[in-house]
């Protein structure tokens, strides 16, 4: 039997069929309709579900959903920041009606990314096996999810793991969440670019984090400082979360993480100075491995927890 898995965000809607070992035997992706009304977005989700059902030929045993958040596990509703028309949208019930007779499990995209990497990605290959893991995406924002003692940790409402809003600069920039100095305001891709421009980086309009990474790789000193500054902020946040959750592994994906050593080398250099407790001495930080499939694979894994 197969698990139908969904990964729904502000840019794309993806569906897959996963076998019991987590292999995706069918995938389909379509863009999220930009600025669309709630029912128009749902129509896109319903269409990709129907496509997966046809491919499954009746073999679907469960459904797992990774959704951009915030979410509310109790009501099964979602309020994605990047899908503005979905406010308290009853996603779990809609999917259950579209795929009747099977269990449906809803989770945030951060915890699903972490679950996917823990099951079949960096959490499996990093060795030794990690049971207490933080999965992170550093891209336009900074998101995350927790796998604690081998199981997804969702928290009271389903939103545990929002590590992008750990404060690392008490007098820092305002954050869209309403706070100040969140790590997202320092280490997210647009934040790196904004700081670099303010400190003398000359780049054409529209240049983004990938352009900044190219400049840093070409030894531009401002670009390199921007990445070190972001890495230092991430190290401080990781040390705090690791101390609270007693982590043994952190997996980082997303567009900024694709810069490789530009991010990981200063991050790993800074981390021992922030994570000084003895029980954190073995904390490992590694790149994600599953790319865009992590959310689908994690959603399939989520469904197995019932």
C-alpha atoms as a PDB file:
ATOM      1  CA  UNK A   1       0.000   0.000   0.000  1.00  0.00           C
ATOM      2  CA  UNK A   2       0.989   3.612  -0.574  1.00  0.00           C
ATOM      3  CA  UNK A   3       0.912   6.848   1.397  1.00  0.00           C
ATOM      4  CA  UNK A   4      -0.334   9.918  -0.435  1.00  0.00           C
ATOM      5  CA  UNK A   5       1.829  12.828   0.693  1.00  0.00           C
ATOM      6  CA  UNK A   6       1.301  16.551   0.126  1.00  0.00           C
ATOM      7  CA  UNK A   7       3.674  19.498   0.534  1.00  0.00           C
ATOM      8  CA  UNK A   8       1.851  22.824   0.308  1.00  0.00           C
ATOM      9  CA  UNK A   9       3.587  26.196   0.355  1.00  0.00           C
ATOM     10  CA  UNK A  10       3.383  29.664  -1.056  1.00  0.00           C
ATOM     11  CA  UNK A  11       5.401  28.821  -4.177  1.00  0.00           C
ATOM     12  CA  UNK A  12       4.473  25.254  -5.023  1.00  0.00           C
ATOM     13  CA  UNK A  13       2.021  22.472  -4.307  1.00  0.00           C
ATOM     14  CA  UNK A  14       3.540  18.997  -4.505  1.00  0.00           C
ATOM     15  CA  UNK A  15       2.016  15.542  -4.205  1.00  0.00           C
ATOM     16  CA  UNK A  16       3.631  12.155  -4.043  1.00  0.00           C
ATOM     17  CA  UNK A  17       2.968   8.493  -3.470  1.00  0.00           C
ATOM     18  CA  UNK A  18       5.434   6.843  -1.089  1.00  0.00           C
ATOM     19  CA  UNK A  19       5.903   3.132  -0.577  1.00  0.00           C
ATOM     20  CA  UNK A  20       6.448   1.743   2.959  1.00  0.00           C
ATOM     21  CA  UNK A  21      10.221   2.303   2.650  1.00  0.00           C
ATOM     22  CA  UNK A  22       9.707   5.984   1.787  1.00  0.00           C
ATOM     23  CA  UNK A  23      10.543   5.744  -1.915  1.00  0.00           C
ATOM     24  CA  UNK A  24       8.486   8.157  -3.987  1.00  0.00           C
ATOM     25  CA  UNK A  25       6.910   6.162  -6.801  1.00  0.00           C
ATOM     26  CA  UNK A  26       4.932   9.153  -8.122  1.00  0.00           C
ATOM     27  CA  UNK A  27       5.422  12.905  -7.808  1.00  0.00           C
ATOM     28  CA  UNK A  28       3.698  15.925  -9.285  1.00  0.00           C
ATOM     29  CA  UNK A  29       4.298  19.619  -8.725  1.00  0.00           C
ATOM     30  CA  UNK A  30       2.341  22.689  -9.754  1.00  0.00           C
ATOM     31  CA  UNK A  31       2.706  26.345  -8.802  1.00  0.00           C
ATOM     32  CA  UNK A  32       0.598  27.782  -6.024  1.00  0.00           C
ATOM     33  CA  UNK A  33      -1.758  30.266  -7.714  1.00  0.00           C
ATOM     34  CA  UNK A  34      -0.304  33.674  -6.746  1.00  0.00           C
ATOM     35  CA  UNK A  35      -2.686  35.962  -4.890  1.00  0.00           C
ATOM     36  CA  UNK A  36      -5.582  33.592  -5.506  1.00  0.00           C
ATOM     37  CA  UNK A  37      -8.764  33.266  -3.489  1.00  0.00           C
ATOM     38  CA  UNK A  38      -8.980  30.426  -0.983  1.00  0.00           C
ATOM     39  CA  UNK A  39     -11.084  28.145  -3.164  1.00  0.00           C
ATOM     40  CA  UNK A  40      -8.847  28.676  -6.179  1.00  0.00           C
ATOM     41  CA  UNK A  41      -5.848  27.522  -4.165  1.00  0.00           C
ATOM     42  CA  UNK A  42      -7.842  24.552  -2.905  1.00  0.00           C
ATOM     43  CA  UNK A  43      -8.833  23.664  -6.482  1.00  0.00           C
ATOM     44  CA  UNK A  44      -5.131  23.361  -7.338  1.00  0.00           C
ATOM     45  CA  UNK A  45      -4.594  21.082  -4.329  1.00  0.00           C
ATOM     46  CA  UNK A  46      -7.664  18.992  -5.195  1.00  0.00           C
ATOM     47  CA  UNK A  47      -6.469  18.564  -8.779  1.00  0.00           C
ATOM     48  CA  UNK A  48      -3.050  17.301  -7.763  1.00  0.00           C
ATOM     49  CA  UNK A  49      -4.654  14.942  -5.216  1.00  0.00           C
ATOM     50  CA  UNK A  50      -6.902  13.527  -7.940  1.00  0.00           C
ATOM     51  CA  UNK A  51      -3.870  13.003 -10.178  1.00  0.00           C
ATOM     52  CA  UNK A  52      -2.106  11.071  -7.419  1.00  0.00           C
ATOM     53  CA  UNK A  53      -5.214   8.980  -6.738  1.00  0.00           C
ATOM     54  CA  UNK A  54      -5.376   7.944 -10.368  1.00  0.00           C
ATOM     55  CA  UNK A  55      -1.723   6.962 -10.254  1.00  0.00           C
ATOM     56  CA  UNK A  56      -2.289   4.975  -7.043  1.00  0.00           C
ATOM     57  CA  UNK A  57      -5.142   2.916  -8.542  1.00  0.00           C
ATOM     58  CA  UNK A  58      -6.852   2.581  -5.173  1.00  0.00           C
ATOM     59  CA  UNK A  59      -3.760   1.631  -3.195  1.00  0.00           C
ATOM     60  CA  UNK A  60      -3.721   4.667  -0.834  1.00  0.00           C
ATOM     61  CA  UNK A  61      -3.666   3.614   2.831  1.00  0.00           C
ATOM     62  CA  UNK A  62      -3.021   6.993   4.492  1.00  0.00           C
ATOM     63  CA  UNK A  63      -2.400  10.663   3.763  1.00  0.00           C
ATOM     64  CA  UNK A  64       0.280  12.920   5.231  1.00  0.00           C
ATOM     65  CA  UNK A  65       0.229  16.696   4.743  1.00  0.00           C
ATOM     66  CA  UNK A  66       3.112  19.133   5.135  1.00  0.00           C
ATOM     67  CA  UNK A  67       1.716  22.663   5.140  1.00  0.00           C
ATOM     68  CA  UNK A  68       3.208  26.087   5.485  1.00  0.00           C
ATOM     69  CA  UNK A  69       2.107  27.544   8.789  1.00  0.00           C
ATOM     70  CA  UNK A  70       1.104  28.476  11.318  1.00  0.00           C
ATOM     71  CA  UNK A  71      -1.193  25.474  11.646  1.00  0.00           C
ATOM     72  CA  UNK A  72      -3.672  24.353  14.295  1.00  0.00           C
ATOM     73  CA  UNK A  73      -3.545  20.618  14.856  1.00  0.00           C
ATOM     74  CA  UNK A  74      -6.636  20.561  17.058  1.00  0.00           C
ATOM     75  CA  UNK A  75      -8.943  22.020  14.413  1.00  0.00           C
ATOM     76  CA  UNK A  76      -6.981  20.819  11.390  1.00  0.00           C
ATOM     77  CA  UNK A  77      -6.839  24.348  10.015  1.00  0.00           C
ATOM     78  CA  UNK A  78      -3.956  26.319   8.521  1.00  0.00           C
ATOM     79  CA  UNK A  79      -3.052  30.004   8.333  1.00  0.00           C
ATOM     80  CA  UNK A  80      -0.043  30.087   6.005  1.00  0.00           C
ATOM     81  CA  UNK A  81       1.799  33.389   6.015  1.00  0.00           C
ATOM     82  CA  UNK A  82       2.575  32.924   2.331  1.00  0.00           C
ATOM     83  CA  UNK A  83      -0.969  31.906   1.252  1.00  0.00           C
ATOM     84  CA  UNK A  84      -2.860  34.940   2.451  1.00  0.00           C
ATOM     85  CA  UNK A  85      -6.331  33.787   1.415  1.00  0.00           C
ATOM     86  CA  UNK A  86      -6.130  30.700   3.632  1.00  0.00           C
ATOM     87  CA  UNK A  87      -7.205  31.873   7.083  1.00  0.00           C
ATOM     88  CA  UNK A  88      -8.314  29.056   9.356  1.00  0.00           C
ATOM     89  CA  UNK A  89      -8.672  27.031   6.188  1.00  0.00           C
ATOM     90  CA  UNK A  90      -9.941  23.524   7.052  1.00  0.00           C
ATOM     91  CA  UNK A  91      -7.211  21.722   5.151  1.00  0.00           C
ATOM     92  CA  UNK A  92      -7.319  18.425   7.020  1.00  0.00           C
ATOM     93  CA  UNK A  93     -11.079  18.056   6.574  1.00  0.00           C
ATOM     94  CA  UNK A  94     -10.929  19.024   2.903  1.00  0.00           C
ATOM     95  CA  UNK A  95      -8.228  16.445   2.207  1.00  0.00           C
ATOM     96  CA  UNK A  96     -10.112  13.813   4.214  1.00  0.00           C
ATOM     97  CA  UNK A  97     -13.207  14.427   2.082  1.00  0.00           C
ATOM     98  CA  UNK A  98     -11.135  14.137  -1.098  1.00  0.00           C
ATOM     99  CA  UNK A  99      -9.507  10.870   0.044  1.00  0.00           C
ATOM    100  CA  UNK A 100     -12.250   9.236   2.113  1.00  0.00           C
ATOM    101  CA  UNK A 101     -11.839   6.218   4.323  1.00  0.00           C
ATOM    102  CA  UNK A 102      -8.152   6.586   5.214  1.00  0.00           C
ATOM    103  CA  UNK A 103      -6.390   8.390   8.094  1.00  0.00           C
ATOM    104  CA  UNK A 104      -5.133  11.907   7.353  1.00  0.00           C
ATOM    105  CA  UNK A 105      -2.299  13.475   9.360  1.00  0.00           C
ATOM    106  CA  UNK A 106      -1.464  17.196   9.156  1.00  0.00           C
ATOM    107  CA  UNK A 107       1.898  18.708  10.104  1.00  0.00           C
ATOM    108  CA  UNK A 108       3.873  21.878   9.602  1.00  0.00           C
ATOM    109  CA  UNK A 109       6.340  21.984   6.741  1.00  0.00           C
ATOM    110  CA  UNK A 110       9.249  22.421   9.175  1.00  0.00           C
ATOM    111  CA  UNK A 111       8.600  19.246  11.147  1.00  0.00           C
ATOM    112  CA  UNK A 112       7.966  17.318   7.925  1.00  0.00           C
ATOM    113  CA  UNK A 113      11.283  18.495   6.472  1.00  0.00           C
ATOM    114  CA  UNK A 114      12.984  17.356   9.683  1.00  0.00           C
ATOM    115  CA  UNK A 115      11.204  13.992   9.612  1.00  0.00           C
ATOM    116  CA  UNK A 116      12.169  13.380   6.003  1.00  0.00           C
ATOM    117  CA  UNK A 117      15.818  14.155   6.629  1.00  0.00           C
ATOM    118  CA  UNK A 118      15.798  12.100   9.825  1.00  0.00           C
ATOM    119  CA  UNK A 119      14.277   9.065   8.096  1.00  0.00           C
ATOM    120  CA  UNK A 120      16.036   8.942   4.740  1.00  0.00           C
ATOM    121  CA  UNK A 121      18.365  11.931   4.484  1.00  0.00           C
ATOM    122  CA  UNK A 122      21.184  13.439   6.496  1.00  0.00           C
ATOM    123  CA  UNK A 123      19.840  12.040   9.742  1.00  0.00           C
ATOM    124  CA  UNK A 124      20.334   8.552   8.356  1.00  0.00           C
ATOM    125  CA  UNK A 125      23.691   9.038   6.657  1.00  0.00           C
ATOM    126  CA  UNK A 126      25.431  11.313   9.186  1.00  0.00           C
ATOM    127  CA  UNK A 127      25.984   8.398  11.587  1.00  0.00           C
ATOM    128  CA  UNK A 128      25.791   7.483  14.367  1.00  0.00           C
ATOM    129  CA  UNK A 129      22.006   7.454  14.223  1.00  0.00           C
ATOM    130  CA  UNK A 130      20.523  10.672  15.552  1.00  0.00           C
ATOM    131  CA  UNK A 131      17.459  10.523  17.776  1.00  0.00           C
ATOM    132  CA  UNK A 132      17.312  14.190  18.824  1.00  0.00           C
ATOM    133  CA  UNK A 133      17.471  16.363  15.727  1.00  0.00           C
ATOM    134  CA  UNK A 134      16.663  19.865  14.550  1.00  0.00           C
ATOM    135  CA  UNK A 135      15.921  20.236  10.853  1.00  0.00           C
ATOM    136  CA  UNK A 136      16.247  23.758   9.457  1.00  0.00           C
ATOM    137  CA  UNK A 137      15.640  25.620   6.219  1.00  0.00           C
ATOM    138  CA  UNK A 138      17.616  28.832   5.735  1.00  0.00           C
ATOM    139  CA  UNK A 139      16.241  30.590   2.704  1.00  0.00           C
ATOM    140  CA  UNK A 140      13.898  33.587   2.338  1.00  0.00           C
ATOM    141  CA  UNK A 141      13.134  32.928   5.986  1.00  0.00           C
ATOM    142  CA  UNK A 142      14.446  30.579   8.655  1.00  0.00           C
ATOM    143  CA  UNK A 143      12.201  27.648   9.520  1.00  0.00           C
ATOM    144  CA  UNK A 144      12.604  24.470  11.460  1.00  0.00           C
ATOM    145  CA  UNK A 145      11.179  21.333  12.965  1.00  0.00           C
ATOM    146  CA  UNK A 146      12.122  18.953  15.759  1.00  0.00           C
ATOM    147  CA  UNK A 147      12.478  15.182  15.923  1.00  0.00           C
ATOM    148  CA  UNK A 148      12.881  14.215  19.574  1.00  0.00           C
ATOM    149  CA  UNK A 149      13.575  10.644  20.669  1.00  0.00           C
ATOM    150  CA  UNK A 150      12.945   9.562  17.075  1.00  0.00           C
ATOM    151  CA  UNK A 151       9.442  11.043  16.834  1.00  0.00           C
ATOM    152  CA  UNK A 152       8.068  14.335  15.509  1.00  0.00           C
ATOM    153  CA  UNK A 153       7.645  16.927  18.222  1.00  0.00           C
ATOM    154  CA  UNK A 154       4.778  19.229  17.299  1.00  0.00           C
ATOM    155  CA  UNK A 155       4.106  21.028  20.577  1.00  0.00           C
ATOM    156  CA  UNK A 156       0.795  22.257  21.938  1.00  0.00           C
ATOM    157  CA  UNK A 157      -0.633  23.643  18.682  1.00  0.00           C
ATOM    158  CA  UNK A 158       1.542  21.964  16.062  1.00  0.00           C
ATOM    159  CA  UNK A 159       3.985  24.843  15.668  1.00  0.00           C
ATOM    160  CA  UNK A 160       6.973  23.734  17.744  1.00  0.00           C
ATOM    161  CA  UNK A 161      10.304  24.269  16.037  1.00  0.00           C
ATOM    162  CA  UNK A 162       9.808  27.825  14.755  1.00  0.00           C
ATOM    163  CA  UNK A 163      13.484  28.475  15.406  1.00  0.00           C
ATOM    164  CA  UNK A 164      13.637  31.433  13.028  1.00  0.00           C
ATOM    165  CA  UNK A 165      12.100  33.484  15.814  1.00  0.00           C
ATOM    166  CA  UNK A 166      14.692  32.779  18.472  1.00  0.00           C
ATOM    167  CA  UNK A 167      16.012  36.224  19.443  1.00  0.00           C
ATOM    168  CA  UNK A 168      19.738  36.674  18.854  1.00  0.00           C
ATOM    169  CA  UNK A 169      19.910  40.502  18.937  1.00  0.00           C
ATOM    170  CA  UNK A 170      17.789  42.080  21.664  1.00  0.00           C
ATOM    171  CA  UNK A 171      18.013  45.514  20.056  1.00  0.00           C
ATOM    172  CA  UNK A 172      17.949  44.164  16.526  1.00  0.00           C
ATOM    173  CA  UNK A 173      15.731  44.843  13.554  1.00  0.00           C
ATOM    174  CA  UNK A 174      11.947  44.469  13.805  1.00  0.00           C
ATOM    175  CA  UNK A 175      10.733  41.081  12.608  1.00  0.00           C
ATOM    176  CA  UNK A 176       7.422  40.442  10.808  1.00  0.00           C
ATOM    177  CA  UNK A 177       6.459  38.237  13.771  1.00  0.00           C
ATOM    178  CA  UNK A 178       6.262  41.360  15.953  1.00  0.00           C
ATOM    179  CA  UNK A 179       9.506  40.813  17.829  1.00  0.00           C
ATOM    180  CA  UNK A 180      12.966  42.260  17.336  1.00  0.00           C
ATOM    181  CA  UNK A 181      16.288  40.667  16.523  1.00  0.00           C
ATOM    182  CA  UNK A 182      15.008  37.235  15.556  1.00  0.00           C
ATOM    183  CA  UNK A 183      17.626  35.088  13.839  1.00  0.00           C
ATOM    184  CA  UNK A 184      15.563  35.384  10.650  1.00  0.00           C
ATOM    185  CA  UNK A 185      16.277  39.131  10.577  1.00  0.00           C
ATOM    186  CA  UNK A 186      20.019  38.380  10.487  1.00  0.00           C
ATOM    187  CA  UNK A 187      20.586  35.060   8.707  1.00  0.00           C
ATOM    188  CA  UNK A 188      17.820  34.703   6.107  1.00  0.00           C
ATOM    189  CA  UNK A 189      18.870  35.322   2.518  1.00  0.00           C
ATOM    190  CA  UNK A 190      17.249  38.767   2.128  1.00  0.00           C
ATOM    191  CA  UNK A 191      18.688  39.794   5.503  1.00  0.00           C
ATOM    192  CA  UNK A 192      22.212  38.859   4.405  1.00  0.00           C
ATOM    193  CA  UNK A 193      21.784  40.891   1.219  1.00  0.00           C
ATOM    194  CA  UNK A 194      20.292  43.877   3.027  1.00  0.00           C
ATOM    195  CA  UNK A 195      23.173  44.018   5.512  1.00  0.00           C
ATOM    196  CA  UNK A 196      25.771  43.617   2.768  1.00  0.00           C
ATOM    197  CA  UNK A 197      24.288  46.458   0.713  1.00  0.00           C
ATOM    198  CA  UNK A 198      24.177  48.691   3.792  1.00  0.00           C
ATOM    199  CA  UNK A 199      27.853  47.972   4.390  1.00  0.00           C
ATOM    200  CA  UNK A 200      29.170  48.695   0.926  1.00  0.00           C
ATOM    201  CA  UNK A 201      28.433  45.694  -1.259  1.00  0.00           C
ATOM    202  CA  UNK A 202      27.927  46.921  -4.791  1.00  0.00           C
ATOM    203  CA  UNK A 203      25.493  44.767  -6.718  1.00  0.00           C
ATOM    204  CA  UNK A 204      22.867  45.425  -9.393  1.00  0.00           C
ATOM    205  CA  UNK A 205      19.217  45.808  -8.391  1.00  0.00           C
ATOM    206  CA  UNK A 206      17.567  42.465  -7.844  1.00  0.00           C
ATOM    207  CA  UNK A 207      20.741  40.699  -6.750  1.00  0.00           C
ATOM    208  CA  UNK A 208      19.966  38.047  -4.164  1.00  0.00           C
ATOM    209  CA  UNK A 209      21.604  35.605  -1.803  1.00  0.00           C
ATOM    210  CA  UNK A 210      23.040  33.479  -4.621  1.00  0.00           C
ATOM    211  CA  UNK A 211      24.755  36.573  -6.035  1.00  0.00           C
ATOM    212  CA  UNK A 212      26.076  37.405  -2.579  1.00  0.00           C
ATOM    213  CA  UNK A 213      27.424  33.859  -2.267  1.00  0.00           C
ATOM    214  CA  UNK A 214      29.163  34.181  -5.625  1.00  0.00           C
ATOM    215  CA  UNK A 215      30.748  37.452  -4.483  1.00  0.00           C
ATOM    216  CA  UNK A 216      31.876  35.863  -1.217  1.00  0.00           C
ATOM    217  CA  UNK A 217      33.374  32.919  -3.102  1.00  0.00           C
ATOM    218  CA  UNK A 218      35.268  35.465  -5.211  1.00  0.00           C
ATOM    219  CA  UNK A 219      36.748  36.943  -1.992  1.00  0.00           C
ATOM    220  CA  UNK A 220      34.546  40.049  -1.728  1.00  0.00           C
ATOM    221  CA  UNK A 221      35.230  41.074   1.910  1.00  0.00           C
ATOM    222  CA  UNK A 222      31.787  42.551   2.589  1.00  0.00           C
ATOM    223  CA  UNK A 223      30.019  39.481   1.222  1.00  0.00           C
ATOM    224  CA  UNK A 224      32.213  37.236   3.335  1.00  0.00           C
ATOM    225  CA  UNK A 225      31.456  39.324   6.439  1.00  0.00           C
ATOM    226  CA  UNK A 226      27.737  39.039   5.695  1.00  0.00           C
ATOM    227  CA  UNK A 227      27.940  35.242   5.656  1.00  0.00           C
ATOM    228  CA  UNK A 228      30.040  35.185   8.851  1.00  0.00           C
ATOM    229  CA  UNK A 229      27.526  37.442  10.561  1.00  0.00           C
ATOM    230  CA  UNK A 230      24.633  35.198   9.518  1.00  0.00           C
ATOM    231  CA  UNK A 231      26.542  32.083  10.543  1.00  0.00           C
ATOM    232  CA  UNK A 232      27.303  33.545  13.964  1.00  0.00           C
ATOM    233  CA  UNK A 233      23.604  34.280  14.497  1.00  0.00           C
ATOM    234  CA  UNK A 234      22.671  30.745  13.474  1.00  0.00           C
ATOM    235  CA  UNK A 235      25.297  29.313  15.820  1.00  0.00           C
ATOM    236  CA  UNK A 236      23.874  31.258  18.759  1.00  0.00           C
ATOM    237  CA  UNK A 237      20.356  30.078  17.954  1.00  0.00           C
ATOM    238  CA  UNK A 238      21.426  26.459  17.442  1.00  0.00           C
ATOM    239  CA  UNK A 239      23.292  26.444  20.756  1.00  0.00           C
ATOM    240  CA  UNK A 240      20.194  27.719  22.566  1.00  0.00           C
ATOM    241  CA  UNK A 241      17.838  25.168  20.994  1.00  0.00           C
ATOM    242  CA  UNK A 242      20.359  22.362  21.476  1.00  0.00           C
ATOM    243  CA  UNK A 243      20.697  23.168  25.174  1.00  0.00           C
ATOM    244  CA  UNK A 244      16.912  23.128  25.642  1.00  0.00           C
ATOM    245  CA  UNK A 245      16.277  19.955  23.615  1.00  0.00           C
ATOM    246  CA  UNK A 246      19.552  18.063  24.200  1.00  0.00           C
ATOM    247  CA  UNK A 247      20.138  17.681  20.459  1.00  0.00           C
ATOM    248  CA  UNK A 248      22.745  15.494  18.817  1.00  0.00           C
ATOM    249  CA  UNK A 249      22.266  16.630  15.193  1.00  0.00           C
ATOM    250  CA  UNK A 250      21.268  19.735  13.235  1.00  0.00           C
ATOM    251  CA  UNK A 251      20.465  19.434   9.525  1.00  0.00           C
ATOM    252  CA  UNK A 252      20.336  22.606   7.441  1.00  0.00           C
ATOM    253  CA  UNK A 253      18.813  22.962   3.983  1.00  0.00           C
ATOM    254  CA  UNK A 254      17.436  25.796   1.881  1.00  0.00           C
ATOM    255  CA  UNK A 255      18.854  28.258  -0.592  1.00  0.00           C
ATOM    256  CA  UNK A 256      21.368  29.894   1.744  1.00  0.00           C
ATOM    257  CA  UNK A 257      22.678  26.480   2.803  1.00  0.00           C
ATOM    258  CA  UNK A 258      23.535  25.797  -0.854  1.00  0.00           C
ATOM    259  CA  UNK A 259      26.430  28.210  -0.364  1.00  0.00           C
ATOM    260  CA  UNK A 260      28.162  25.281   1.363  1.00  0.00           C
ATOM    261  CA  UNK A 261      31.432  26.157   3.129  1.00  0.00           C
ATOM    262  CA  UNK A 262      30.599  29.882   3.057  1.00  0.00           C
ATOM    263  CA  UNK A 263      27.911  29.151   5.637  1.00  0.00           C
ATOM    264  CA  UNK A 264      28.965  25.900   7.291  1.00  0.00           C
ATOM    265  CA  UNK A 265      32.623  26.696   7.984  1.00  0.00           C
ATOM    266  CA  UNK A 266      32.030  29.895  10.025  1.00  0.00           C
ATOM    267  CA  UNK A 267      28.975  28.298  11.666  1.00  0.00           C
ATOM    268  CA  UNK A 268      30.954  25.292  12.848  1.00  0.00           C
ATOM    269  CA  UNK A 269      33.787  27.572  13.959  1.00  0.00           C
ATOM    270  CA  UNK A 270      31.433  29.724  16.042  1.00  0.00           C
ATOM    271  CA  UNK A 271      29.339  26.935  17.550  1.00  0.00           C
ATOM    272  CA  UNK A 272      31.783  25.692  20.235  1.00  0.00           C
ATOM    273  CA  UNK A 273      31.946  29.178  21.719  1.00  0.00           C
ATOM    274  CA  UNK A 274      28.156  29.250  22.118  1.00  0.00           C
ATOM    275  CA  UNK A 275      27.522  25.576  22.916  1.00  0.00           C
ATOM    276  CA  UNK A 276      29.914  25.259  25.846  1.00  0.00           C
ATOM    277  CA  UNK A 277      27.987  22.771  27.990  1.00  0.00           C
ATOM    278  CA  UNK A 278      29.640  19.370  28.222  1.00  0.00           C
ATOM    279  CA  UNK A 279      26.606  17.483  26.952  1.00  0.00           C
ATOM    280  CA  UNK A 280      26.674  19.517  23.728  1.00  0.00           C
ATOM    281  CA  UNK A 281      30.260  18.627  22.862  1.00  0.00           C
ATOM    282  CA  UNK A 282      29.228  16.076  20.238  1.00  0.00           C
ATOM    283  CA  UNK A 283      26.636  18.249  18.482  1.00  0.00           C
ATOM    284  CA  UNK A 284      26.922  17.843  14.707  1.00  0.00           C
ATOM    285  CA  UNK A 285      25.765  20.311  12.021  1.00  0.00           C
ATOM    286  CA  UNK A 286      25.424  18.917   8.499  1.00  0.00           C
ATOM    287  CA  UNK A 287      23.829  19.904   5.168  1.00  0.00           C
ATOM    288  CA  UNK A 288      20.434  18.509   4.218  1.00  0.00           C
ATOM    289  CA  UNK A 289      20.408  15.816   1.539  1.00  0.00           C
ATOM    290  CA  UNK A 290      16.855  15.411   0.236  1.00  0.00           C
ATOM    291  CA  UNK A 291      16.351  18.822  -1.354  1.00  0.00           C
ATOM    292  CA  UNK A 292      12.785  19.542  -2.457  1.00  0.00           C
ATOM    293  CA  UNK A 293      11.617  16.007  -1.665  1.00  0.00           C
ATOM    294  CA  UNK A 294      12.192  16.312   2.096  1.00  0.00           C
ATOM    295  CA  UNK A 295       8.694  17.664   2.766  1.00  0.00           C
ATOM    296  CA  UNK A 296       6.953  14.895   0.814  1.00  0.00           C
ATOM    297  CA  UNK A 297       9.043  12.145   2.380  1.00  0.00           C
ATOM    298  CA  UNK A 298       8.506  13.684   5.815  1.00  0.00           C
ATOM    299  CA  UNK A 299       4.753  13.923   5.249  1.00  0.00           C
ATOM    300  CA  UNK A 300       4.718  10.228   4.377  1.00  0.00           C
ATOM    301  CA  UNK A 301       6.665   9.465   7.544  1.00  0.00           C
ATOM    302  CA  UNK A 302       4.303  11.655   9.583  1.00  0.00           C
ATOM    303  CA  UNK A 303       1.342   9.568   8.466  1.00  0.00           C
ATOM    304  CA  UNK A 304       2.986   6.467   9.905  1.00  0.00           C
ATOM    305  CA  UNK A 305       2.864   7.906  13.422  1.00  0.00           C
ATOM    306  CA  UNK A 306      -0.951   7.791  13.398  1.00  0.00           C
END
